[in-house]
N, C-alpha and C. Protein backbone atom coordinates (compact mmCIF):
# COMPACT_ATOMS: atom_id res chain seq x y z
N MET A 1 -136.60 36.13 -24.32
CA MET A 1 -136.38 35.48 -23.37
C MET A 1 -135.55 35.21 -22.66
N ARG A 2 -134.43 35.44 -22.82
CA ARG A 2 -133.12 35.35 -22.36
C ARG A 2 -132.99 36.53 -21.38
N GLU A 3 -133.58 37.36 -22.04
CA GLU A 3 -133.47 39.03 -21.39
C GLU A 3 -134.40 38.76 -19.84
N ASN A 4 -135.28 38.33 -20.10
CA ASN A 4 -136.18 38.34 -18.56
C ASN A 4 -135.24 37.24 -17.59
N ARG A 5 -134.97 36.58 -18.21
CA ARG A 5 -134.26 35.09 -17.46
C ARG A 5 -133.17 35.97 -16.65
N THR A 6 -132.75 36.77 -17.74
CA THR A 6 -130.84 37.07 -16.80
C THR A 6 -131.89 38.66 -16.10
N SER A 7 -132.99 39.40 -16.80
CA SER A 7 -133.62 40.30 -15.27
C SER A 7 -133.95 39.48 -14.18
N VAL A 8 -134.46 38.20 -14.15
CA VAL A 8 -135.21 38.13 -12.88
C VAL A 8 -133.77 37.25 -12.42
N ALA A 9 -133.08 36.75 -12.64
CA ALA A 9 -131.52 36.30 -12.26
C ALA A 9 -131.04 37.85 -11.54
N GLU A 10 -130.84 38.80 -11.94
CA GLU A 10 -130.57 40.26 -11.96
C GLU A 10 -130.98 40.58 -10.21
N GLN A 11 -132.14 40.08 -10.05
CA GLN A 11 -133.87 40.48 -9.20
C GLN A 11 -133.13 39.93 -8.34
N SER A 12 -133.38 39.29 -8.42
CA SER A 12 -132.67 37.71 -7.19
C SER A 12 -131.38 38.00 -6.61
N SER A 13 -129.98 37.94 -7.39
CA SER A 13 -129.16 38.98 -6.83
C SER A 13 -128.82 39.79 -6.17
N HIS A 14 -129.93 40.79 -6.08
CA HIS A 14 -129.95 41.96 -5.71
C HIS A 14 -130.65 41.44 -4.78
N CYS A 15 -131.63 40.75 -4.56
CA CYS A 15 -132.29 40.34 -2.86
C CYS A 15 -131.70 39.98 -2.25
N LEU A 16 -130.45 39.16 -2.69
CA LEU A 16 -129.63 38.35 -1.65
C LEU A 16 -128.63 39.00 -1.42
N ASP A 17 -128.06 40.06 -2.61
CA ASP A 17 -127.21 40.97 -1.38
C ASP A 17 -127.68 41.73 -0.47
N GLU A 18 -129.15 42.35 -0.79
CA GLU A 18 -129.82 43.32 0.65
C GLU A 18 -130.31 42.07 1.63
N ALA A 19 -130.21 40.84 1.43
CA ALA A 19 -130.97 40.10 2.53
C ALA A 19 -129.33 40.27 3.54
N ALA A 20 -128.23 39.56 2.66
CA ALA A 20 -127.15 39.78 3.19
C ALA A 20 -126.62 41.38 4.13
N THR A 21 -127.07 41.80 3.36
CA THR A 21 -126.34 43.44 4.01
C THR A 21 -127.65 43.19 5.51
N LEU A 22 -128.81 43.24 5.60
CA LEU A 22 -129.58 43.32 6.61
C LEU A 22 -128.76 42.22 7.23
N ARG A 23 -128.44 40.85 7.07
CA ARG A 23 -127.77 40.20 8.14
C ARG A 23 -126.49 40.32 8.90
N ALA A 24 -125.74 41.09 7.79
CA ALA A 24 -124.54 42.12 8.28
C ALA A 24 -124.94 42.75 9.37
N ASP A 25 -126.03 44.02 9.58
CA ASP A 25 -126.26 44.82 10.19
C ASP A 25 -126.97 43.97 11.59
N ALA A 26 -127.36 43.27 11.21
CA ALA A 26 -127.38 42.54 12.46
C ALA A 26 -126.70 41.51 13.49
N LYS A 27 -125.49 41.49 12.60
CA LYS A 27 -124.49 40.90 13.25
C LYS A 27 -124.03 42.18 13.85
N LEU A 28 -123.93 43.32 13.82
CA LEU A 28 -123.41 43.75 14.30
C LEU A 28 -123.59 44.57 15.60
N ARG A 29 -125.15 44.14 15.90
CA ARG A 29 -126.10 44.17 17.11
C ARG A 29 -125.75 43.39 17.99
N CYS A 30 -125.52 42.02 17.25
CA CYS A 30 -125.51 40.47 18.34
C CYS A 30 -124.92 39.93 18.05
N ASP A 31 -123.58 39.50 18.81
CA ASP A 31 -122.87 38.17 18.45
C ASP A 31 -123.71 36.93 19.35
N SER A 32 -123.34 35.92 19.02
CA SER A 32 -124.21 34.12 19.75
C SER A 32 -124.56 34.54 20.81
N ARG A 33 -123.73 35.52 21.47
CA ARG A 33 -124.17 35.74 23.39
C ARG A 33 -125.06 36.36 23.79
N TYR A 34 -125.45 37.91 21.88
CA TYR A 34 -126.05 38.77 22.67
C TYR A 34 -125.40 39.95 22.76
N LYS A 35 -124.03 40.07 22.56
CA LYS A 35 -123.24 40.56 23.06
C LYS A 35 -123.50 42.03 22.63
N ILE A 36 -123.70 42.90 22.70
CA ILE A 36 -124.87 44.26 22.55
C ILE A 36 -123.90 45.24 22.04
N ARG A 37 -123.32 45.61 20.23
CA ARG A 37 -122.44 47.20 19.81
C ARG A 37 -123.17 48.17 19.40
N ASP A 38 -124.47 48.21 19.77
CA ASP A 38 -124.93 48.85 18.81
C ASP A 38 -126.39 49.53 19.26
N SER A 39 -126.91 50.28 19.39
CA SER A 39 -128.20 50.41 20.52
C SER A 39 -129.27 51.83 19.32
N SER A 40 -130.05 51.68 19.88
CA SER A 40 -131.28 52.61 19.01
C SER A 40 -130.38 54.00 19.19
N PRO A 41 -131.06 55.48 18.99
CA PRO A 41 -130.46 56.29 19.05
C PRO A 41 -130.99 56.84 20.16
N GLY A 42 -130.03 57.51 20.77
CA GLY A 42 -130.70 58.24 22.27
C GLY A 42 -130.04 57.46 23.18
N ALA A 43 -129.96 55.98 23.01
CA ALA A 43 -130.13 55.16 24.58
C ALA A 43 -128.50 54.98 24.50
N PRO A 44 -127.81 55.64 25.16
CA PRO A 44 -126.34 55.30 25.78
C PRO A 44 -126.12 53.56 26.27
N MET A 45 -125.49 52.84 25.55
CA MET A 45 -125.69 51.60 26.51
C MET A 45 -124.55 51.38 26.82
N PRO A 46 -124.76 50.36 27.64
CA PRO A 46 -123.22 50.69 28.78
C PRO A 46 -122.40 49.79 27.79
N SER A 47 -121.01 49.95 28.33
CA SER A 47 -119.86 49.82 27.39
C SER A 47 -119.76 48.32 27.15
N SER A 48 -120.02 47.42 28.07
CA SER A 48 -119.95 45.88 27.68
C SER A 48 -120.89 45.31 28.11
N LEU A 49 -122.15 44.81 27.64
CA LEU A 49 -123.78 44.55 27.74
C LEU A 49 -123.51 43.15 27.14
N THR A 50 -124.05 42.41 27.40
CA THR A 50 -123.97 41.14 27.18
C THR A 50 -125.41 40.27 27.76
N VAL A 51 -126.58 39.88 26.98
CA VAL A 51 -127.41 39.25 27.01
C VAL A 51 -127.14 37.59 27.20
N ARG A 52 -127.71 36.66 27.77
CA ARG A 52 -127.53 35.52 28.08
C ARG A 52 -128.03 35.08 28.96
N PRO A 53 -128.17 33.40 28.39
CA PRO A 53 -129.41 32.51 29.76
C PRO A 53 -128.82 32.17 31.17
N VAL A 54 -129.29 32.44 31.77
CA VAL A 54 -129.09 32.48 33.25
C VAL A 54 -128.79 31.33 33.32
N THR A 55 -127.62 31.26 34.59
CA THR A 55 -127.44 30.07 35.12
C THR A 55 -127.23 30.24 36.62
N ARG A 56 -126.97 28.81 37.08
CA ARG A 56 -126.90 28.50 38.58
C ARG A 56 -126.36 29.29 39.42
N ALA A 57 -125.65 29.76 39.09
CA ALA A 57 -124.18 30.50 39.62
C ALA A 57 -124.71 32.24 40.32
N ASP A 58 -125.75 32.50 38.57
CA ASP A 58 -126.37 33.81 38.86
C ASP A 58 -127.43 33.78 40.21
N TYR A 59 -127.51 33.25 40.84
CA TYR A 59 -129.18 33.45 41.53
C TYR A 59 -128.66 34.33 42.76
N ASP A 60 -127.81 34.90 43.40
CA ASP A 60 -127.37 35.98 44.26
C ASP A 60 -127.44 37.51 44.14
N GLN A 61 -127.27 37.23 42.33
CA GLN A 61 -127.80 38.74 41.18
C GLN A 61 -128.71 38.95 41.19
N TRP A 62 -129.27 37.53 40.86
CA TRP A 62 -131.07 37.40 39.62
C TRP A 62 -131.88 37.53 41.04
N LEU A 63 -131.79 37.33 42.18
CA LEU A 63 -132.38 37.44 43.07
C LEU A 63 -133.31 38.86 43.76
N PRO A 64 -132.15 39.84 43.64
CA PRO A 64 -132.05 41.31 43.83
C PRO A 64 -133.28 42.16 42.44
N LEU A 65 -133.24 41.23 41.66
CA LEU A 65 -133.41 41.97 40.56
C LEU A 65 -135.08 41.45 40.28
N TRP A 66 -134.92 40.28 40.89
CA TRP A 66 -136.53 39.44 40.88
C TRP A 66 -137.55 40.04 42.23
N ASP A 67 -136.64 39.96 43.18
CA ASP A 67 -137.43 40.91 44.31
C ASP A 67 -137.93 42.48 43.92
N GLY A 68 -136.75 43.13 43.46
CA GLY A 68 -137.22 44.65 42.19
C GLY A 68 -138.26 44.86 41.26
N TYR A 69 -138.47 43.51 40.83
CA TYR A 69 -139.90 43.34 39.75
C TYR A 69 -140.81 43.04 40.43
N ASN A 70 -140.82 42.45 41.35
CA ASN A 70 -142.03 42.03 42.18
C ASN A 70 -142.77 43.59 42.74
N THR A 71 -141.44 44.12 43.58
CA THR A 71 -141.82 45.07 44.29
C THR A 71 -142.66 46.26 43.01
N PHE A 72 -141.92 46.49 42.56
CA PHE A 72 -142.70 47.20 41.09
C PHE A 72 -143.92 47.32 40.95
N TYR A 73 -144.42 45.99 40.98
CA TYR A 73 -146.05 45.30 40.68
C TYR A 73 -146.67 45.35 42.26
N GLY A 74 -146.02 46.11 43.06
CA GLY A 74 -146.67 45.40 44.59
C GLY A 74 -146.72 44.28 45.45
N ARG A 75 -146.04 43.43 44.97
CA ARG A 75 -145.50 42.35 45.70
C ARG A 75 -144.89 42.11 46.22
N SER A 76 -144.55 43.11 47.96
CA SER A 76 -143.59 42.93 48.49
C SER A 76 -144.51 43.34 50.10
N GLY A 77 -143.44 43.18 51.23
CA GLY A 77 -143.69 43.34 52.85
C GLY A 77 -145.17 41.74 52.65
N PRO A 78 -146.40 42.24 53.24
CA PRO A 78 -147.28 41.89 53.46
C PRO A 78 -147.77 40.79 52.04
N THR A 79 -147.34 41.61 50.92
CA THR A 79 -147.67 41.17 49.79
C THR A 79 -146.91 40.14 48.78
N ALA A 80 -145.77 40.33 49.25
CA ALA A 80 -144.77 39.63 48.92
C ALA A 80 -145.46 37.84 48.06
N LEU A 81 -144.46 37.73 47.34
CA LEU A 81 -144.24 36.27 46.64
C LEU A 81 -143.90 35.54 48.21
N ALA A 82 -144.55 34.32 48.31
CA ALA A 82 -144.44 33.22 49.33
C ALA A 82 -143.05 32.60 48.63
N PRO A 83 -141.85 32.24 49.13
CA PRO A 83 -140.35 32.18 49.32
C PRO A 83 -140.47 30.92 47.87
N GLU A 84 -141.60 29.79 48.70
CA GLU A 84 -141.99 28.90 47.22
C GLU A 84 -141.86 29.16 46.28
N ILE A 85 -142.79 30.21 45.70
CA ILE A 85 -142.86 30.42 44.35
C ILE A 85 -141.54 30.88 43.92
N THR A 86 -140.75 31.95 44.24
CA THR A 86 -139.42 31.81 44.18
C THR A 86 -138.63 30.41 43.66
N GLN A 87 -138.69 29.93 44.72
CA GLN A 87 -137.53 28.99 44.22
C GLN A 87 -138.16 28.04 43.08
N MET A 88 -139.17 27.58 43.12
CA MET A 88 -140.00 26.66 42.23
C MET A 88 -139.81 27.59 40.56
N THR A 89 -140.18 28.92 40.63
CA THR A 89 -139.79 29.48 39.40
C THR A 89 -138.14 29.39 38.80
N TRP A 90 -137.12 29.46 39.66
CA TRP A 90 -135.46 28.93 39.61
C TRP A 90 -135.38 28.02 39.25
N ALA A 91 -135.93 27.49 40.09
CA ALA A 91 -135.99 25.78 39.40
C ALA A 91 -136.28 25.32 38.03
N ARG A 92 -137.59 26.08 37.68
CA ARG A 92 -138.10 25.66 36.37
C ARG A 92 -136.97 26.12 35.10
N PHE A 93 -135.77 27.28 35.34
CA PHE A 93 -135.40 27.78 34.09
C PHE A 93 -134.19 26.40 34.22
N PHE A 94 -133.87 25.90 35.01
CA PHE A 94 -133.11 24.76 34.31
C PHE A 94 -133.24 23.40 34.53
N ASP A 95 -135.47 23.31 34.37
CA ASP A 95 -135.86 22.06 33.98
C ASP A 95 -136.04 21.76 32.81
N GLY A 96 -135.46 20.72 31.78
CA GLY A 96 -135.17 20.79 30.60
C GLY A 96 -136.39 20.35 29.92
N TYR A 97 -137.78 20.04 30.93
CA TYR A 97 -138.93 19.71 30.48
C TYR A 97 -139.73 20.78 30.40
N GLU A 98 -139.72 22.16 30.86
CA GLU A 98 -140.28 23.18 31.73
C GLU A 98 -140.19 24.34 30.07
N PRO A 99 -141.33 24.79 30.42
CA PRO A 99 -141.13 25.27 28.55
C PRO A 99 -140.31 27.33 28.84
N MET A 100 -140.51 26.98 30.57
CA MET A 100 -140.00 28.44 31.39
C MET A 100 -138.28 28.83 31.05
N HIS A 101 -138.31 30.10 30.78
CA HIS A 101 -136.40 30.61 30.51
C HIS A 101 -136.20 31.49 30.87
N ALA A 102 -135.01 32.03 31.20
CA ALA A 102 -134.65 33.08 31.72
C ALA A 102 -132.91 33.78 30.65
N LEU A 103 -133.22 34.69 30.55
CA LEU A 103 -131.93 35.49 30.38
C LEU A 103 -131.53 36.60 31.05
N VAL A 104 -130.28 36.99 31.19
CA VAL A 104 -129.84 38.09 32.09
C VAL A 104 -128.97 38.72 31.43
N ALA A 105 -129.40 40.01 31.36
CA ALA A 105 -128.01 41.25 31.04
C ALA A 105 -127.19 41.73 31.98
N GLU A 106 -125.77 41.36 31.69
CA GLU A 106 -124.64 41.49 32.31
C GLU A 106 -123.85 42.56 31.99
N SER A 107 -123.13 43.59 32.36
CA SER A 107 -122.63 44.77 32.51
C SER A 107 -121.37 44.85 32.94
N ASP A 108 -119.91 44.68 32.55
CA ASP A 108 -118.72 44.36 33.88
C ASP A 108 -118.92 43.94 34.59
N GLY A 109 -119.34 42.43 34.62
CA GLY A 109 -119.33 41.56 35.78
C GLY A 109 -121.15 41.45 36.72
N LYS A 110 -121.51 42.67 36.32
CA LYS A 110 -122.71 42.57 37.23
C LYS A 110 -124.29 42.56 36.42
N LEU A 111 -124.83 41.91 36.53
CA LEU A 111 -126.48 41.65 36.17
C LEU A 111 -127.26 42.63 36.76
N VAL A 112 -127.68 43.32 35.71
CA VAL A 112 -128.36 44.72 35.75
C VAL A 112 -129.78 44.29 34.60
N GLY A 113 -130.54 43.01 34.51
CA GLY A 113 -131.64 42.96 34.44
C GLY A 113 -131.92 41.57 34.01
N LEU A 114 -132.83 41.39 33.62
CA LEU A 114 -133.43 39.79 33.36
C LEU A 114 -135.18 39.95 32.50
N VAL A 115 -135.29 38.75 32.30
CA VAL A 115 -136.34 39.03 31.12
C VAL A 115 -137.14 37.21 31.43
N HIS A 116 -137.72 36.49 31.93
CA HIS A 116 -138.52 35.38 31.66
C HIS A 116 -139.29 35.63 30.67
N TYR A 117 -139.02 34.29 30.22
CA TYR A 117 -140.14 33.69 28.58
C TYR A 117 -140.74 32.52 28.49
N LEU A 118 -142.17 32.20 28.43
CA LEU A 118 -142.61 30.54 28.22
C LEU A 118 -142.94 30.52 26.65
N PHE A 119 -143.21 29.45 26.31
CA PHE A 119 -143.57 29.16 25.62
C PHE A 119 -144.67 28.15 25.42
N HIS A 120 -146.01 28.69 24.36
CA HIS A 120 -146.95 27.41 24.58
C HIS A 120 -147.62 27.54 23.48
N ARG A 121 -149.26 26.58 23.69
CA ARG A 121 -149.75 26.48 21.93
C ARG A 121 -150.33 27.58 22.06
N ASN A 122 -150.94 27.74 20.51
CA ASN A 122 -152.09 28.73 20.18
C ASN A 122 -153.29 27.92 19.30
N THR A 123 -153.91 28.63 19.01
CA THR A 123 -155.00 27.94 18.51
C THR A 123 -155.62 28.25 17.21
N THR A 124 -154.48 29.13 17.13
CA THR A 124 -154.41 30.04 15.39
C THR A 124 -153.01 30.42 14.56
N MET A 125 -152.35 29.27 15.59
CA MET A 125 -150.94 29.07 14.60
C MET A 125 -150.62 27.67 15.03
N LEU A 126 -149.53 27.59 13.72
CA LEU A 126 -148.79 25.83 13.97
C LEU A 126 -147.82 25.97 14.88
N GLY A 127 -146.84 27.30 15.36
CA GLY A 127 -145.44 26.88 16.20
C GLY A 127 -146.24 28.07 17.40
N PRO A 128 -144.94 27.46 18.40
CA PRO A 128 -145.91 27.81 19.37
C PRO A 128 -145.33 29.63 19.83
N VAL A 129 -146.25 29.91 20.87
CA VAL A 129 -146.12 31.67 21.07
C VAL A 129 -145.62 31.61 22.02
N CYS A 130 -144.93 33.15 22.00
CA CYS A 130 -143.55 33.27 23.06
C CYS A 130 -144.31 33.93 24.16
N TYR A 131 -144.64 33.81 25.17
CA TYR A 131 -144.92 34.92 26.37
C TYR A 131 -143.67 35.32 26.93
N LEU A 132 -143.90 36.56 27.01
CA LEU A 132 -142.42 37.40 27.58
C LEU A 132 -143.42 38.06 29.05
N GLN A 133 -142.78 37.19 29.53
CA GLN A 133 -143.89 37.42 31.32
C GLN A 133 -143.19 38.29 32.16
N ASP A 134 -142.04 38.22 32.24
CA ASP A 134 -141.01 39.26 33.35
C ASP A 134 -140.07 39.98 32.56
N LEU A 135 -139.68 41.46 32.84
CA LEU A 135 -139.00 42.19 32.65
C LEU A 135 -138.40 43.31 33.68
N PHE A 136 -136.87 43.45 33.96
CA PHE A 136 -136.96 44.06 34.72
C PHE A 136 -134.94 44.57 34.89
N THR A 137 -135.69 45.81 34.59
CA THR A 137 -133.71 46.29 34.60
C THR A 137 -133.56 47.44 35.57
N ASP A 138 -132.33 47.14 36.41
CA ASP A 138 -131.51 48.12 37.62
C ASP A 138 -131.87 49.54 37.01
N ALA A 139 -132.66 50.08 38.40
CA ALA A 139 -133.31 51.42 37.94
C ALA A 139 -131.77 51.78 38.01
N SER A 140 -130.50 51.79 38.13
CA SER A 140 -129.26 52.53 37.56
C SER A 140 -129.08 52.52 36.41
N GLN A 141 -129.55 51.62 35.87
CA GLN A 141 -129.15 51.36 34.14
C GLN A 141 -130.37 51.83 33.24
N ARG A 142 -131.75 52.08 33.94
CA ARG A 142 -133.03 52.33 33.04
C ARG A 142 -132.47 54.00 32.20
N GLY A 143 -133.14 53.47 30.71
CA GLY A 143 -132.89 54.23 29.92
C GLY A 143 -131.17 54.30 28.90
N LYS A 144 -130.99 52.95 29.44
CA LYS A 144 -129.98 53.22 28.41
C LYS A 144 -129.82 51.69 27.60
N GLY A 145 -130.65 51.28 27.25
CA GLY A 145 -130.97 50.35 26.46
C GLY A 145 -131.09 49.03 26.79
N VAL A 146 -130.99 48.36 27.80
CA VAL A 146 -130.54 47.51 29.02
C VAL A 146 -132.11 46.42 28.07
N GLY A 147 -133.66 47.28 28.87
CA GLY A 147 -134.52 46.65 28.32
C GLY A 147 -134.77 45.83 26.82
N LYS A 148 -134.63 47.04 25.95
CA LYS A 148 -134.55 46.51 24.53
C LYS A 148 -133.89 45.17 24.03
N ALA A 149 -132.46 45.13 24.71
CA ALA A 149 -131.09 44.26 24.46
C ALA A 149 -132.25 42.95 24.82
N LEU A 150 -132.85 43.39 25.83
CA LEU A 150 -133.45 41.62 26.54
C LEU A 150 -134.74 41.41 25.57
N ILE A 151 -135.55 42.16 25.16
CA ILE A 151 -136.60 41.91 24.25
C ILE A 151 -136.35 41.48 23.38
N GLU A 152 -134.74 41.98 22.53
CA GLU A 152 -134.43 41.69 21.33
C GLU A 152 -134.09 40.48 21.27
N ALA A 153 -133.43 39.91 22.77
CA ALA A 153 -132.66 38.30 22.85
C ALA A 153 -134.05 37.81 22.64
N VAL A 154 -135.24 38.10 23.52
CA VAL A 154 -135.88 37.02 23.43
C VAL A 154 -136.76 36.89 21.83
N TYR A 155 -136.73 37.85 21.04
CA TYR A 155 -137.17 37.61 19.72
C TYR A 155 -136.55 36.43 19.26
N GLU A 156 -135.13 36.64 19.22
CA GLU A 156 -134.48 35.19 18.63
C GLU A 156 -133.98 33.91 19.44
N LYS A 157 -134.65 34.50 20.61
CA LYS A 157 -134.55 33.06 21.30
C LYS A 157 -136.59 32.13 20.26
N ALA A 158 -137.43 32.98 20.45
CA ALA A 158 -138.13 32.76 19.40
C ALA A 158 -138.21 32.32 18.36
N LYS A 159 -138.01 33.33 17.98
CA LYS A 159 -137.36 32.71 15.84
C LYS A 159 -136.86 31.71 16.01
N ALA A 160 -135.40 31.14 16.99
CA ALA A 160 -135.02 29.48 16.76
C ALA A 160 -135.99 28.13 16.91
N ALA A 161 -136.78 28.67 18.28
CA ALA A 161 -137.70 28.31 18.21
C ALA A 161 -138.96 27.33 17.91
N GLY A 162 -139.05 28.28 16.11
CA GLY A 162 -139.68 28.61 15.65
C GLY A 162 -141.21 29.10 15.88
N SER A 163 -141.43 29.59 16.60
CA SER A 163 -142.33 30.96 16.90
C SER A 163 -142.75 31.93 16.02
N PRO A 164 -143.51 32.39 15.80
CA PRO A 164 -144.60 33.45 15.29
C PRO A 164 -144.54 34.31 15.99
N ARG A 165 -144.71 35.02 17.37
CA ARG A 165 -145.13 35.69 17.95
C ARG A 165 -144.40 35.93 19.25
N VAL A 166 -144.15 36.98 19.77
CA VAL A 166 -143.30 37.18 21.14
C VAL A 166 -144.41 38.46 21.59
N TYR A 167 -145.29 38.04 22.88
CA TYR A 167 -146.13 38.93 23.52
C TYR A 167 -145.94 39.14 24.75
N TRP A 168 -146.78 40.11 25.14
CA TRP A 168 -145.78 40.17 26.95
C TRP A 168 -147.77 41.16 27.21
N HIS A 169 -147.86 41.69 28.24
CA HIS A 169 -148.75 42.63 29.26
C HIS A 169 -147.88 43.30 30.27
N THR A 170 -148.67 44.68 30.33
CA THR A 170 -148.05 45.83 31.03
C THR A 170 -149.08 46.24 31.80
N ASN A 171 -148.74 47.10 32.49
CA ASN A 171 -149.90 48.35 33.31
C ASN A 171 -150.11 49.11 32.42
N ALA A 172 -151.11 49.79 32.83
CA ALA A 172 -151.57 50.88 31.77
C ALA A 172 -150.95 52.07 32.37
N THR A 173 -150.66 51.88 33.82
CA THR A 173 -149.73 52.80 34.53
C THR A 173 -148.02 52.94 33.69
N ASN A 174 -147.73 52.17 33.44
CA ASN A 174 -146.27 52.06 33.25
C ASN A 174 -145.73 52.91 31.99
N HIS A 175 -146.01 54.10 31.77
CA HIS A 175 -145.95 54.72 30.85
C HIS A 175 -144.12 54.93 29.88
N THR A 176 -143.39 54.79 31.12
CA THR A 176 -142.04 54.85 30.81
C THR A 176 -141.80 54.11 29.82
N ALA A 177 -142.04 52.26 30.16
CA ALA A 177 -141.52 50.96 29.96
C ALA A 177 -142.33 51.56 28.47
N MET A 178 -143.24 51.40 28.28
CA MET A 178 -144.82 51.84 27.14
C MET A 178 -143.65 52.79 25.66
N LYS A 179 -142.77 53.15 25.84
CA LYS A 179 -142.63 54.29 25.16
C LYS A 179 -141.53 53.16 24.67
N LEU A 180 -140.56 52.25 25.07
CA LEU A 180 -139.98 51.24 24.62
C LEU A 180 -140.55 50.32 23.54
N TYR A 181 -141.80 49.94 24.48
CA TYR A 181 -142.70 48.97 23.75
C TYR A 181 -143.33 49.60 22.48
N ASN A 182 -143.97 50.64 22.57
CA ASN A 182 -144.14 51.24 21.14
C ASN A 182 -142.86 51.04 19.96
N TYR A 183 -141.69 50.92 20.74
CA TYR A 183 -140.79 50.97 19.28
C TYR A 183 -140.37 49.71 18.79
N VAL A 184 -140.51 49.05 19.54
CA VAL A 184 -139.78 47.67 19.44
C VAL A 184 -141.27 46.74 19.14
N ALA A 185 -142.50 47.18 19.36
CA ALA A 185 -143.54 46.17 19.04
C ALA A 185 -144.94 46.78 19.07
N ASP A 186 -145.80 46.18 18.71
CA ASP A 186 -147.17 46.80 18.09
C ASP A 186 -148.18 46.58 19.27
N HIS A 187 -148.55 47.67 19.00
CA HIS A 187 -150.19 47.37 20.36
C HIS A 187 -151.18 46.95 19.79
N SER A 188 -151.38 45.90 20.22
CA SER A 188 -152.74 44.67 20.50
C SER A 188 -153.93 45.62 19.85
N GLY A 189 -153.89 46.34 20.96
CA GLY A 189 -155.22 46.77 21.25
C GLY A 189 -156.07 46.15 21.94
N PHE A 190 -156.02 44.66 22.69
CA PHE A 190 -156.35 44.10 23.52
C PHE A 190 -156.44 44.62 24.51
N VAL A 191 -157.53 44.32 25.70
CA VAL A 191 -157.65 44.45 27.23
C VAL A 191 -157.60 42.76 27.65
N VAL A 192 -156.66 42.74 28.77
CA VAL A 192 -156.44 41.43 29.81
C VAL A 192 -157.85 41.85 30.77
N TYR A 193 -158.38 40.40 31.10
CA TYR A 193 -159.39 39.95 31.59
C TYR A 193 -159.14 39.04 32.67
N ARG A 194 -158.68 39.17 33.81
CA ARG A 194 -158.45 37.74 34.42
C ARG A 194 -159.32 37.58 35.67
N LYS A 195 -159.30 36.64 36.15
CA LYS A 195 -160.23 36.16 37.31
C LYS A 195 -159.38 35.43 38.74
N ASP A 196 -159.07 35.70 39.94
CA ASP A 196 -158.23 34.91 40.30
C ASP A 196 -159.34 33.62 40.99
N LEU A 197 -158.40 32.63 41.57
CA LEU A 197 -159.13 31.40 41.68
C LEU A 197 -158.87 30.59 42.90
């Protein structure tokens, strides 16, 4: 009987050692402000990349990224978002009663990417689900791991909020981004329907 107890204790110790190794590996990738030190193979990251919550002082650098994101999805010129939508979106990031949040990727003092996400209830889960709504990287920084760093930072925020899932949508023609998405997440197979009212 004692041998079995020792065996279980040894197995538990081994599992704890493996967990500590995994945590240490994760720590190499990010610190508490998500300063990236390592990336996926073949993705040269900017020498100093930090993913952090957006601040009010970031507006002048956030806006061109937001405009670039909207332009990518055909919301520019005559179809551009009304200025009041942009202003309300920005204000929501700093309203503690809103479930909407923003992170930005900064390299050498310049914002090079953004991600916006929100939490909502779900009928099949107890914790809030995290919807990653907007993700954009400056064209000059694409393919360098910025998008991956932003997605992984949302994963960390969602885990901290007790969320069991992060999900997002993309256009079926967005093949470049889907290469990353297939690496960091699973394709659910669902098709999105909508009706504007």
